PDB file of N, CA and C in Angstrom:
ATOM      1  N   MET A   1       0.915  -0.951  -0.359  1.00  0.00           N
ATOM      2  CA  MET A   1       0.010   0.001  -0.122  1.00  0.00           C
ATOM      3  C   MET A   1       0.878   1.270  -0.097  1.00  0.00           C
ATOM      4  N   LEU A   2       0.431   2.407  -0.601  1.00  0.00           N
ATOM      5  CA  LEU A   2       1.150   3.406  -0.733  1.00  0.00           C
ATOM      6  C   LEU A   2       0.509   4.394   0.798  1.00  0.00           C
ATOM      7  N   PRO A   3       1.847   4.946   1.014  1.00  0.00           N
ATOM      8  CA  PRO A   3       1.592   6.131   2.163  1.00  0.00           C
ATOM      9  C   PRO A   3       0.888   7.175   1.697  1.00  0.00           C
ATOM     10  N   ILE A   4      -0.091   7.470   2.560  1.00  0.00           N
ATOM     11  CA  ILE A   4      -1.069   8.158   2.690  1.00  0.00           C
ATOM     12  C   ILE A   4      -0.292   9.991   3.048  1.00  0.00           C
ATOM     13  N   LYS A   5      -0.181  11.136   2.060  1.00  0.00           N
ATOM     14  CA  LYS A   5       0.311  11.806   2.555  1.00  0.00           C
ATOM     15  C   LYS A   5      -0.723  12.836   3.082  1.00  0.00           C
ATOM     16  N   ASN A   6      -0.118  13.740   3.996  1.00  0.00           N
ATOM     17  CA  ASN A   6      -1.148  14.748   4.534  1.00  0.00           C
ATOM     18  C   ASN A   6      -1.178  15.772   3.507  1.00  0.00           C
ATOM     19  N   GLN A   7      -1.997  15.971   3.025  1.00  0.00           N
ATOM     20  CA  GLN A   7      -2.350  17.058   1.826  1.00  0.00           C
ATOM     21  C   GLN A   7      -3.224  18.268   2.350  1.00  0.00           C
ATOM     22  N   GLN A   8      -2.600  19.681   2.312  1.00  0.00           N
ATOM     23  CA  GLN A   8      -3.731  20.317   2.684  1.00  0.00           C
ATOM     24  C   GLN A   8      -4.389  20.835   1.499  1.00  0.00           C
ATOM     25  N   ARG A   9      -5.966  21.035   1.562  1.00  0.00           N
ATOM     26  CA  ARG A   9      -6.615  21.806   0.639  1.00  0.00           C
ATOM     27  C   ARG A   9      -6.711  23.436   0.477  1.00  0.00           C
ATOM     28  N   LYS A  10      -6.409  23.832  -0.328  1.00  0.00           N
ATOM     29  CA  LYS A  10      -6.620  25.124  -0.531  1.00  0.00           C
ATOM     30  C   LYS A  10      -8.233  25.589  -0.450  1.00  0.00           C
ATOM     31  N   ILE A  11      -8.477  26.575   0.291  1.00  0.00           N
ATOM     32  CA  ILE A  11      -9.839  27.103   0.261  1.00  0.00           C
ATOM     33  C   ILE A  11      -9.959  28.239  -0.974  1.00  0.00           C
ATOM     34  N   SER A  12     -10.813  28.161  -1.487  1.00  0.00           N
ATOM     35  CA  SER A  12     -11.055  29.109  -2.666  1.00  0.00           C
ATOM     36  C   SER A  12     -11.162  30.352  -2.388  1.00  0.00           C
ATOM     37  N   PRO A  13     -10.659  31.123  -3.085  1.00  0.00           N
ATOM     38  CA  PRO A  13     -10.483  32.937  -2.899  1.00  0.00           C
ATOM     39  C   PRO A  13     -12.191  33.278  -2.589  1.00  0.00           C
ATOM     40  N   PHE A  14     -12.950  32.722  -3.670  1.00  0.00           N
ATOM     41  CA  PHE A  14     -14.229  32.957  -3.635  1.00  0.00           C
ATOM     42  C   PHE A  14     -14.837  32.731  -2.413  1.00  0.00           C
ATOM     43  N   ALA A  15     -14.646  31.444  -2.100  1.00  0.00           N
ATOM     44  CA  ALA A  15     -15.272  31.212  -0.618  1.00  0.00           C
ATOM     45  C   ALA A  15     -14.934  32.074   0.516  1.00  0.00           C
ATOM     46  N   LYS A  16     -13.620  32.381   0.347  1.00  0.00           N
ATOM     47  CA  LYS A  16     -13.296  33.457   1.795  1.00  0.00           C
ATOM     48  C   LYS A  16     -13.688  34.593   1.532  1.00  0.00           C
ATOM     49  N   TRP A  17     -14.130  35.271   0.390  1.00  0.00           N
ATOM     50  CA  TRP A  17     -14.847  36.580   0.081  1.00  0.00           C
ATOM     51  C   TRP A  17     -16.362  36.409   0.221  1.00  0.00           C
ATOM     52  N   LEU A  18     -16.699  35.283   0.414  1.00  0.00           N
ATOM     53  CA  LEU A  18     -18.093  35.081   0.337  1.00  0.00           C
ATOM     54  C   LEU A  18     -18.650  35.116   2.103  1.00  0.00           C
ATOM     55  N   ALA A  19     -17.416  34.607   2.497  1.00  0.00           N
ATOM     56  CA  ALA A  19     -17.562  34.525   4.096  1.00  0.00           C
ATOM     57  C   ALA A  19     -16.999  35.689   4.738  1.00  0.00           C
ATOM     58  N   VAL A  20     -16.570  36.979   3.994  1.00  0.00           N
ATOM     59  CA  VAL A  20     -16.562  38.125   4.266  1.00  0.00           C
ATOM     60  C   VAL A  20     -17.595  38.789   4.352  1.00  0.00           C
ATOM     61  N   GLY A  21     -18.418  38.602   3.112  1.00  0.00           N
ATOM     62  CA  GLY A  21     -19.712  39.131   2.845  1.00  0.00           C
ATOM     63  C   GLY A  21     -21.113  38.957   3.883  1.00  0.00           C
ATOM     64  N   MET A  22     -20.670  37.293   4.112  1.00  0.00           N
ATOM     65  CA  MET A  22     -21.911  37.217   5.292  1.00  0.00           C
ATOM     66  C   MET A  22     -21.518  37.919   6.532  1.00  0.00           C
ATOM     67  N   SER A  23     -20.297  37.779   6.881  1.00  0.00           N
ATOM     68  CA  SER A  23     -19.994  38.448   8.133  1.00  0.00           C
ATOM     69  C   SER A  23     -20.276  39.961   7.956  1.00  0.00           C
ATOM     70  N   ALA A  24     -20.111  40.538   7.035  1.00  0.00           N
ATOM     71  CA  ALA A  24     -20.375  41.872   7.030  1.00  0.00           C
ATOM     72  C   ALA A  24     -21.883  42.134   6.986  1.00  0.00           C
ATOM     73  N   PHE A  25     -22.654  41.408   6.618  1.00  0.00           N
ATOM     74  CA  PHE A  25     -24.163  41.564   6.319  1.00  0.00           C
ATOM     75  C   PHE A  25     -24.582  41.336   8.126  1.00  0.00           C
ATOM     76  N   MET A  26     -24.007  39.866   8.656  1.00  0.00           N
ATOM     77  CA  MET A  26     -24.391  39.994   9.948  1.00  0.00           C
ATOM     78  C   MET A  26     -23.839  41.209  10.561  1.00  0.00           C
ATOM     79  N   LEU A  27     -22.910  41.882  10.435  1.00  0.00           N
ATOM     80  CA  LEU A  27     -21.930  43.059  11.474  1.00  0.00           C
ATOM     81  C   LEU A  27     -23.197  44.140  11.279  1.00  0.00           C
ATOM     82  N   ALA A  28     -23.662  44.209   9.851  1.00  0.00           N
ATOM     83  CA  ALA A  28     -24.878  45.136   9.759  1.00  0.00           C
ATOM     84  C   ALA A  28     -26.159  45.051  10.282  1.00  0.00           C
ATOM     85  N   TYR A  29     -26.468  43.702  10.318  1.00  0.00           N
ATOM     86  CA  TYR A  29     -27.565  43.572  10.638  1.00  0.00           C
ATOM     87  C   TYR A  29     -27.605  43.762  12.572  1.00  0.00           C
ATOM     88  N   GLY A  30     -26.668  43.280  13.017  1.00  0.00           N
ATOM     89  CA  GLY A  30     -26.326  43.533  14.344  1.00  0.00           C
ATOM     90  C   GLY A  30     -26.347  45.117  14.992  1.00  0.00           C
ATOM     91  N   SER A  31     -25.730  45.744  14.067  1.00  0.00           N
ATOM     92  CA  SER A  31     -25.302  47.100  14.144  1.00  0.00           C
ATOM     93  C   SER A  31     -26.734  47.840  14.227  1.00  0.00           C
ATOM     94  N   PHE A  32     -27.452  47.222  13.205  1.00  0.00           N
ATOM     95  CA  PHE A  32     -29.125  48.256  12.857  1.00  0.00           C
ATOM     96  C   PHE A  32     -29.664  47.683  14.356  1.00  0.00           C
ATOM     97  N   ILE A  33     -29.752  46.657  14.661  1.00  0.00           N
ATOM     98  CA  ILE A  33     -30.377  45.946  16.002  1.00  0.00           C
ATOM     99  C   ILE A  33     -30.259  47.207  17.111  1.00  0.00           C
ATOM    100  N   ILE A  34     -28.575  47.218  17.454  1.00  0.00           N
ATOM    101  CA  ILE A  34     -28.032  47.710  18.696  1.00  0.00           C
ATOM    102  C   ILE A  34     -28.538  49.461  18.057  1.00  0.00           C
ATOM    103  N   ALA A  35     -28.378  49.867  17.216  1.00  0.00           N
ATOM    104  CA  ALA A  35     -28.817  51.379  17.218  1.00  0.00           C
ATOM    105  C   ALA A  35     -30.434  51.560  17.264  1.00  0.00           C
ATOM    106  N   THR A  36     -31.497  50.881  16.721  1.00  0.00           N
ATOM    107  CA  THR A  36     -32.588  50.924  17.048  1.00  0.00           C
ATOM    108  C   THR A  36     -33.431  50.453  18.219  1.00  0.00           C
ATOM    109  N   GLN A  37     -32.386  49.569  18.944  1.00  0.00           N
ATOM    110  CA  GLN A  37     -32.854  48.743  20.229  1.00  0.00           C
ATOM    111  C   GLN A  37     -34.187  48.104  20.338  1.00  0.00           C
ATOM    112  N   HIS A  38     -34.388  47.268  19.202  1.00  0.00           N
ATOM    113  CA  HIS A  38     -35.465  46.704  18.593  1.00  0.00           C
ATOM    114  C   HIS A  38     -34.725  45.710  17.816  1.00  0.00           C
ATOM    115  N   TYR A  39     -35.396  44.023  18.753  1.00  0.00           N
ATOM    116  CA  TYR A  39     -35.003  42.928  17.893  1.00  0.00           C
ATOM    117  C   TYR A  39     -36.299  42.538  17.488  1.00  0.00           C
ATOM    118  N   TYR A  40     -36.419  42.580  15.947  1.00  0.00           N
ATOM    119  CA  TYR A  40     -37.426  42.151  15.542  1.00  0.00           C
ATOM    120  C   TYR A  40     -37.470  40.533  15.321  1.00  0.00           C
ATOM    121  N   GLY A  41     -38.480  39.896  15.683  1.00  0.00           N
ATOM    122  CA  GLY A  41     -38.655  38.568  15.687  1.00  0.00           C
ATOM    123  C   GLY A  41     -39.160  37.770  14.285  1.00  0.00           C
ATOM    124  N   ARG A  42     -39.998  36.868  14.623  1.00  0.00           N
ATOM    125  CA  ARG A  42     -40.467  36.452  13.311  1.00  0.00           C
ATOM    126  C   ARG A  42     -41.704  37.392  12.618  1.00  0.00           C
ATOM    127  N   ASN A  43     -42.254  36.923  11.389  1.00  0.00           N
ATOM    128  CA  ASN A  43     -43.328  37.807  10.726  1.00  0.00           C
ATOM    129  C   ASN A  43     -44.386  37.025  11.268  1.00  0.00           C
ATOM    130  N   ASN A  44     -45.393  37.754  11.620  1.00  0.00           N
ATOM    131  CA  ASN A  44     -46.477  37.211  11.555  1.00  0.00           C
ATOM    132  C   ASN A  44     -47.610  36.874  10.494  1.00  0.00           C
ATOM    133  N   ARG A  45     -48.830  36.267  10.727  1.00  0.00           N
ATOM    134  CA  ARG A  45     -49.087  35.454   9.332  1.00  0.00           C
ATOM    135  C   ARG A  45     -49.851  36.691   8.117  1.00  0.00           C
ATOM    136  N   TYR A  46     -49.655  38.119   8.770  1.00  0.00           N
ATOM    137  CA  TYR A  46     -50.182  39.359   8.195  1.00  0.00           C
ATOM    138  C   TYR A  46     -49.254  40.085   7.532  1.00  0.00           C
ATOM    139  N   GLY A  47     -47.873  39.896   7.718  1.00  0.00           N
ATOM    140  CA  GLY A  47     -46.811  40.217   6.822  1.00  0.00           C
ATOM    141  C   GLY A  47     -45.981  41.259   7.897  1.00  0.00           C
ATOM    142  N   GLY A  48     -46.520  41.639   9.070  1.00  0.00           N
ATOM    143  CA  GLY A  48     -45.666  42.444  10.001  1.00  0.00           C
ATOM    144  C   GLY A  48     -44.978  41.665  10.807  1.00  0.00           C
ATOM    145  N   ALA A  49     -43.740  42.322  11.409  1.00  0.00           N
ATOM    146  CA  ALA A  49     -42.989  41.714  12.398  1.00  0.00           C
ATOM    147  C   ALA A  49     -43.177  41.969  13.589  1.00  0.00           C
ATOM    148  N   GLU A  50     -42.923  41.198  14.194  1.00  0.00           N
ATOM    149  CA  GLU A  50     -42.842  41.689  16.113  1.00  0.00           C
ATOM    150  C   GLU A  50     -41.889  41.701  16.486  1.00  0.00           C
ATOM    151  N   VAL A  51     -41.937  42.929  17.237  1.00  0.00           N
ATOM    152  CA  VAL A  51     -40.723  43.315  18.227  1.00  0.00           C
ATOM    153  C   VAL A  51     -40.815  42.205  19.025  1.00  0.00           C
ATOM    154  N   SER A  52     -39.573  41.536  19.229  1.00  0.00           N
ATOM    155  CA  SER A  52     -39.352  40.324  20.490  1.00  0.00           C
ATOM    156  C   SER A  52     -38.295  40.664  21.530  1.00  0.00           C
ATOM    157  N   ALA A  53     -37.805  41.896  21.256  1.00  0.00           N
ATOM    158  CA  ALA A  53     -36.927  42.353  22.298  1.00  0.00           C
ATOM    159  C   ALA A  53     -36.901  43.755  22.254  1.00  0.00           C
ATOM    160  N   ASP A  54     -36.552  44.653  23.463  1.00  0.00           N
ATOM    161  CA  ASP A  54     -36.361  45.999  23.564  1.00  0.00           C
ATOM    162  C   ASP A  54     -35.132  46.261  24.716  1.00  0.00           C
ATOM    163  N   GLY A  55     -34.706  47.623  24.407  1.00  0.00           N
ATOM    164  CA  GLY A  55     -33.692  47.811  25.086  1.00  0.00           C
ATOM    165  C   GLY A  55     -32.554  47.157  25.164  1.00  0.00           C
ATOM    166  N   TRP A  56     -32.207  46.937  26.488  1.00  0.00           N
ATOM    167  CA  TRP A  56     -30.713  46.027  26.774  1.00  0.00           C
ATOM    168  C   TRP A  56     -30.696  44.621  26.170  1.00  0.00           C
ATOM    169  N   GLN A  57     -31.920  44.056  26.289  1.00  0.00           N
ATOM    170  CA  GLN A  57     -32.008  42.774  25.909  1.00  0.00           C
ATOM    171  C   GLN A  57     -31.842  42.784  24.267  1.00  0.00           C
ATOM    172  N   ALA A  58     -32.503  44.029  23.453  1.00  0.00           N
ATOM    173  CA  ALA A  58     -31.761  43.893  21.900  1.00  0.00           C
ATOM    174  C   ALA A  58     -30.801  44.036  21.732  1.00  0.00           C
ATOM    175  N   ILE A  59     -29.949  44.996  22.513  1.00  0.00           N
ATOM    176  CA  ILE A  59     -28.498  45.299  22.624  1.00  0.00           C
ATOM    177  C   ILE A  59     -27.659  43.981  22.541  1.00  0.00           C
ATOM    178  N   ILE A  60     -27.762  43.370  23.836  1.00  0.00           N
ATOM    179  CA  ILE A  60     -27.544  42.035  23.825  1.00  0.00           C
ATOM    180  C   ILE A  60     -27.504  41.052  22.581  1.00  0.00           C
ATOM    181  N   MET A  61     -28.876  40.874  22.238  1.00  0.00           N
ATOM    182  CA  MET A  61     -29.224  40.143  21.054  1.00  0.00           C
ATOM    183  C   MET A  61     -28.623  40.678  19.869  1.00  0.00           C
ATOM    184  N   GLY A  62     -28.014  42.177  19.699  1.00  0.00           N
ATOM    185  CA  GLY A  62     -27.328  42.458  18.544  1.00  0.00           C
ATOM    186  C   GLY A  62     -26.024  42.033  18.566  1.00  0.00           C
ATOM    187  N   VAL A  63     -25.497  42.242  19.923  1.00  0.00           N
ATOM    188  CA  VAL A  63     -23.725  41.645  19.959  1.00  0.00           C
ATOM    189  C   VAL A  63     -23.576  40.367  19.531  1.00  0.00           C
ATOM    190  N   ALA A  64     -24.965  39.558  20.284  1.00  0.00           N
ATOM    191  CA  ALA A  64     -24.625  37.941  19.767  1.00  0.00           C
ATOM    192  C   ALA A  64     -24.645  37.877  18.338  1.00  0.00           C
ATOM    193  N   ILE A  65     -25.602  38.436  17.655  1.00  0.00           N
ATOM    194  CA  ILE A  65     -25.653  38.402  16.135  1.00  0.00           C
ATOM    195  C   ILE A  65     -24.416  38.490  15.366  1.00  0.00           C
ATOM    196  N   ILE A  66     -23.896  39.644  15.908  1.00  0.00           N
ATOM    197  CA  ILE A  66     -22.195  40.105  15.690  1.00  0.00           C
ATOM    198  C   ILE A  66     -21.411  39.158  15.271  1.00  0.00           C
ATOM    199  N   VAL A  67     -21.576  38.717  16.830  1.00  0.00           N
ATOM    200  CA  VAL A  67     -20.293  37.716  17.198  1.00  0.00           C
ATOM    201  C   VAL A  67     -20.620  36.446  16.271  1.00  0.00           C
ATOM    202  N   ILE A  68     -22.012  35.788  16.395  1.00  0.00           N
ATOM    203  CA  ILE A  68     -22.036  34.549  15.573  1.00  0.00           C
ATOM    204  C   ILE A  68     -21.690  35.010  13.695  1.00  0.00           C
ATOM    205  N   GLY A  69     -22.080  36.148  13.806  1.00  0.00           N
ATOM    206  CA  GLY A  69     -21.724  36.354  12.065  1.00  0.00           C
ATOM    207  C   GLY A  69     -19.952  36.428  11.810  1.00  0.00           C
ATOM    208  N   LEU A  70     -19.491  36.431  12.897  1.00  0.00           N
ATOM    209  CA  LEU A  70     -18.119  36.461  12.612  1.00  0.00           C
ATOM    210  C   LEU A  70     -17.316  35.086  12.681  1.00  0.00           C
ATOM    211  N   THR A  71     -18.120  33.910  12.677  1.00  0.00           N
ATOM    212  CA  THR A  71     -17.897  32.570  12.478  1.00  0.00           C
ATOM    213  C   THR A  71     -17.423  32.295  11.329  1.00  0.00           C
ATOM    214  N   PRO A  72     -17.878  32.566   9.839  1.00  0.00           N
ATOM    215  CA  PRO A  72     -17.313  32.058   8.945  1.00  0.00           C
ATOM    216  C   PRO A  72     -15.865  32.864   8.244  1.00  0.00           C
ATOM    217  N   MET A  73     -15.487  33.822   9.276  1.00  0.00           N
ATOM    218  CA  MET A  73     -13.997  34.035   9.108  1.00  0.00           C
ATOM    219  C   MET A  73     -13.207  33.395   9.504  1.00  0.00           C
ATOM    220  N   CYS A  74     -13.455  32.150   9.720  1.00  0.00           N
ATOM    221  CA  CYS A  74     -12.633  30.922  10.158  1.00  0.00           C
ATOM    222  C   CYS A  74     -11.862  30.383   9.115  1.00  0.00           C
ATOM    223  N   LEU A  75     -12.488  30.674   7.584  1.00  0.00           N
ATOM    224  CA  LEU A  75     -11.996  30.153   6.787  1.00  0.00           C
ATOM    225  C   LEU A  75     -10.567  31.241   6.135  1.00  0.00           C
ATOM    226  N   TRP A  76     -10.489  32.194   6.659  1.00  0.00           N
ATOM    227  CA  TRP A  76      -9.229  32.803   6.836  1.00  0.00           C
ATOM    228  C   TRP A  76      -8.068  32.077   7.656  1.00  0.00           C
ATOM    229  N   MET A  77      -8.468  31.582   8.436  1.00  0.00           N
ATOM    230  CA  MET A  77      -7.238  31.140   9.489  1.00  0.00           C
ATOM    231  C   MET A  77      -6.137  30.124   8.611  1.00  0.00           C
ATOM    232  N   LYS A  78      -4.833  30.005   9.159  1.00  0.00           N
ATOM    233  CA  LYS A  78      -3.882  29.379   8.459  1.00  0.00           C
ATOM    234  C   LYS A  78      -3.856  27.649   8.524  1.00  0.00           C
ATOM    235  N   SER A  79      -4.402  27.374   9.838  1.00  0.00           N
ATOM    236  CA  SER A  79      -4.553  26.507  10.427  1.00  0.00           C
ATOM    237  C   SER A  79      -5.707  25.634  11.036  1.00  0.00           C
ATOM    238  N   GLY A  80      -5.767  24.384  10.828  1.00  0.00           N
ATOM    239  CA  GLY A  80      -7.044  24.037  10.913  1.00  0.00           C
ATOM    240  C   GLY A  80      -7.634  24.046  12.693  1.00  0.00           C
ATOM    241  N   LYS A  81      -6.516  24.171  13.471  1.00  0.00           N
ATOM    242  CA  LYS A  81      -6.830  24.164  14.806  1.00  0.00           C
ATOM    243  C   LYS A  81      -7.199  25.586  15.252  1.00  0.00           C
ATOM    244  N   ALA A  82      -6.431  26.603  14.848  1.00  0.00           N
ATOM    245  CA  ALA A  82      -6.900  28.207  14.529  1.00  0.00           C
ATOM    246  C   ALA A  82      -8.719  28.315  14.493  1.00  0.00           C
ATOM    247  N   ALA A  83      -8.819  27.661  12.790  1.00  0.00           N
ATOM    248  CA  ALA A  83     -10.185  27.733  12.385  1.00  0.00           C
ATOM    249  C   ALA A  83     -11.194  27.275  13.331  1.00  0.00           C
ATOM    250  N   GLY A  84     -11.081  26.253  14.003  1.00  0.00           N
ATOM    251  CA  GLY A  84     -12.051  25.165  14.881  1.00  0.00           C
ATOM    252  C   GLY A  84     -11.640  26.108  15.932  1.00  0.00           C
ATOM    253  N   PHE A  85     -10.775  26.416  16.764  1.00  0.00           N
ATOM    254  CA  PHE A  85     -10.836  27.589  18.017  1.00  0.00           C
ATOM    255  C   PHE A  85     -11.842  28.567  17.551  1.00  0.00           C
ATOM    256  N   TRP A  86     -11.723  29.385  16.468  1.00  0.00           N
ATOM    257  CA  TRP A  86     -12.267  30.591  16.099  1.00  0.00           C
ATOM    258  C   TRP A  86     -13.718  30.435  16.054  1.00  0.00           C
ATOM    259  N   ALA A  87     -13.925  29.314  15.448  1.00  0.00           N
ATOM    260  CA  ALA A  87     -15.740  28.986  14.814  1.00  0.00           C
ATOM    261  C   ALA A  87     -16.371  28.174  16.195  1.00  0.00           C
ATOM    262  N   GLY A  88     -15.401  27.623  17.165  1.00  0.00           N
ATOM    263  CA  GLY A  88     -16.178  27.345  18.385  1.00  0.00           C
ATOM    264  C   GLY A  88     -16.357  28.216  19.344  1.00  0.00           C
ATOM    265  N   THR A  89     -15.238  29.220  19.594  1.00  0.00           N
ATOM    266  CA  THR A  89     -15.335  30.068  20.427  1.00  0.00           C
ATOM    267  C   THR A  89     -16.602  30.876  19.632  1.00  0.00           C
ATOM    268  N   CYS A  90     -16.908  31.462  18.665  1.00  0.00           N
ATOM    269  CA  CYS A  90     -17.684  32.701  18.169  1.00  0.00           C
ATOM    270  C   CYS A  90     -19.379  31.978  18.445  1.00  0.00           C
ATOM    271  N   MET A  91     -19.370  30.536  18.208  1.00  0.00           N
ATOM    272  CA  MET A  91     -20.538  30.009  18.533  1.00  0.00           C
ATOM    273  C   MET A  91     -20.923  29.897  19.629  1.00  0.00           C
ATOM    274  N   ILE A  92     -19.875  29.630  20.787  1.00  0.00           N
ATOM    275  CA  ILE A  92     -20.375  29.396  22.182  1.00  0.00           C
ATOM    276  C   ILE A  92     -20.731  30.928  22.945  1.00  0.00           C
ATOM    277  N   VAL A  93     -19.906  31.544  22.678  1.00  0.00           N
ATOM    278  CA  VAL A  93     -20.363  33.037  22.903  1.00  0.00           C
ATOM    279  C   VAL A  93     -21.445  33.838  22.333  1.00  0.00           C
ATOM    280  N   GLY A  94     -21.631  33.012  21.159  1.00  0.00           N
ATOM    281  CA  GLY A  94     -22.728  33.906  20.686  1.00  0.00           C
ATOM    282  C   GLY A  94     -24.220  33.113  21.529  1.00  0.00           C
ATOM    283  N   VAL A  95     -24.084  31.899  21.719  1.00  0.00           N
ATOM    284  CA  VAL A  95     -25.097  31.000  21.904  1.00  0.00           C
ATOM    285  C   VAL A  95     -25.080  31.691  23.493  1.00  0.00           C
ATOM    286  N   VAL A  96     -24.235  31.786  24.298  1.00  0.00           N
ATOM    287  CA  VAL A  96     -24.377  32.492  25.804  1.00  0.00           C
ATOM    288  C   VAL A  96     -25.008  33.693  25.670  1.00  0.00           C
ATOM    289  N   LEU A  97     -24.805  34.408  24.760  1.00  0.00           N
ATOM    290  CA  LEU A  97     -24.968  35.846  24.733  1.00  0.00           C
ATOM    291  C   LEU A  97     -26.634  35.614  24.377  1.00  0.00           C
ATOM    292  N   PHE A  98     -26.942  34.780  23.821  1.00  0.00           N
ATOM    293  CA  PHE A  98     -28.740  34.697  23.066  1.00  0.00           C
ATOM    294  C   PHE A  98     -29.409  34.302  24.545  1.00  0.00           C
ATOM    295  N   LEU A  99     -28.860  33.425  25.289  1.00  0.00           N
ATOM    296  CA  LEU A  99     -29.619  32.914  26.394  1.00  0.00           C
ATOM    297  C   LEU A  99     -29.451  33.949  27.356  1.00  0.00           C
ATOM    298  N   VAL A 100     -28.657  35.000  27.573  1.00  0.00           N
ATOM    299  CA  VAL A 100     -28.595  36.038  28.635  1.00  0.00           C
ATOM    300  C   VAL A 100     -29.693  36.780  29.033  1.00  0.00           C
ATOM    301  N   PRO A 101     -30.259  37.406  27.793  1.00  0.00           N
ATOM    302  CA  PRO A 101     -31.744  37.999  28.139  1.00  0.00           C
ATOM    303  C   PRO A 101     -33.122  37.110  28.811  1.00  0.00           C
ATOM    304  N   ALA A 102     -32.929  35.959  28.526  1.00  0.00           N
ATOM    305  CA  ALA A 102     -33.727  34.846  28.757  1.00  0.00           C
ATOM    306  C   ALA A 102     -33.482  34.700  30.360  1.00  0.00           C
ATOM    307  N   TYR A 103     -32.491  34.449  30.769  1.00  0.00           N
ATOM    308  CA  TYR A 103     -31.634  34.184  32.062  1.00  0.00           C
ATOM    309  C   TYR A 103     -32.136  35.315  32.954  1.00  0.00           C
ATOM    310  N   LEU A 104     -31.683  36.183  32.630  1.00  0.00           N
ATOM    311  CA  LEU A 104     -31.839  37.707  33.504  1.00  0.00           C
ATOM    312  C   LEU A 104     -33.334  37.934  33.521  1.00  0.00           C
ATOM    313  N   HIS A 105     -34.332  37.481  32.756  1.00  0.00           N
ATOM    314  CA  HIS A 105     -35.766  37.970  32.442  1.00  0.00           C
ATOM    315  C   HIS A 105     -36.320  37.007  33.767  1.00  0.00           C
ATOM    316  N   ILE A 106     -35.891  35.717  33.896  1.00  0.00           N
ATOM    317  CA  ILE A 106     -36.049  34.685  34.630  1.00  0.00           C
ATOM    318  C   ILE A 106     -36.226  35.143  36.248  1.00  0.00           C
ATOM    319  N   LYS A 107     -35.004  35.559  36.306  1.00  0.00           N
ATOM    320  CA  LYS A 107     -34.339  36.014  38.102  1.00  0.00           C
ATOM    321  C   LYS A 107     -35.281  37.156  38.606  1.00  0.00           C
TER     322      LYS A 107
END
């Protein structure tokens, strides 16, 4: 049998720039939520969006959306370990931030 060589696969530049675009969109959306202090949830059946959070809860949700939106930037990392650490950290911090308003509302 031939030995298997550890081959690195290059990520295409298109995928990297697409990740930048997704992160930029999420940054803009999170910034909009922070600026207006309203987090709009699902649309109702009549087409209007319902406000799910106001004030400090919306600000935390906006920050969470920005942090989760930074996850695709892991494609720019040089090694797989660094990319995994970046993506994992962004997702964990984002999910914790999403849960903070619910936790503080219960107390």
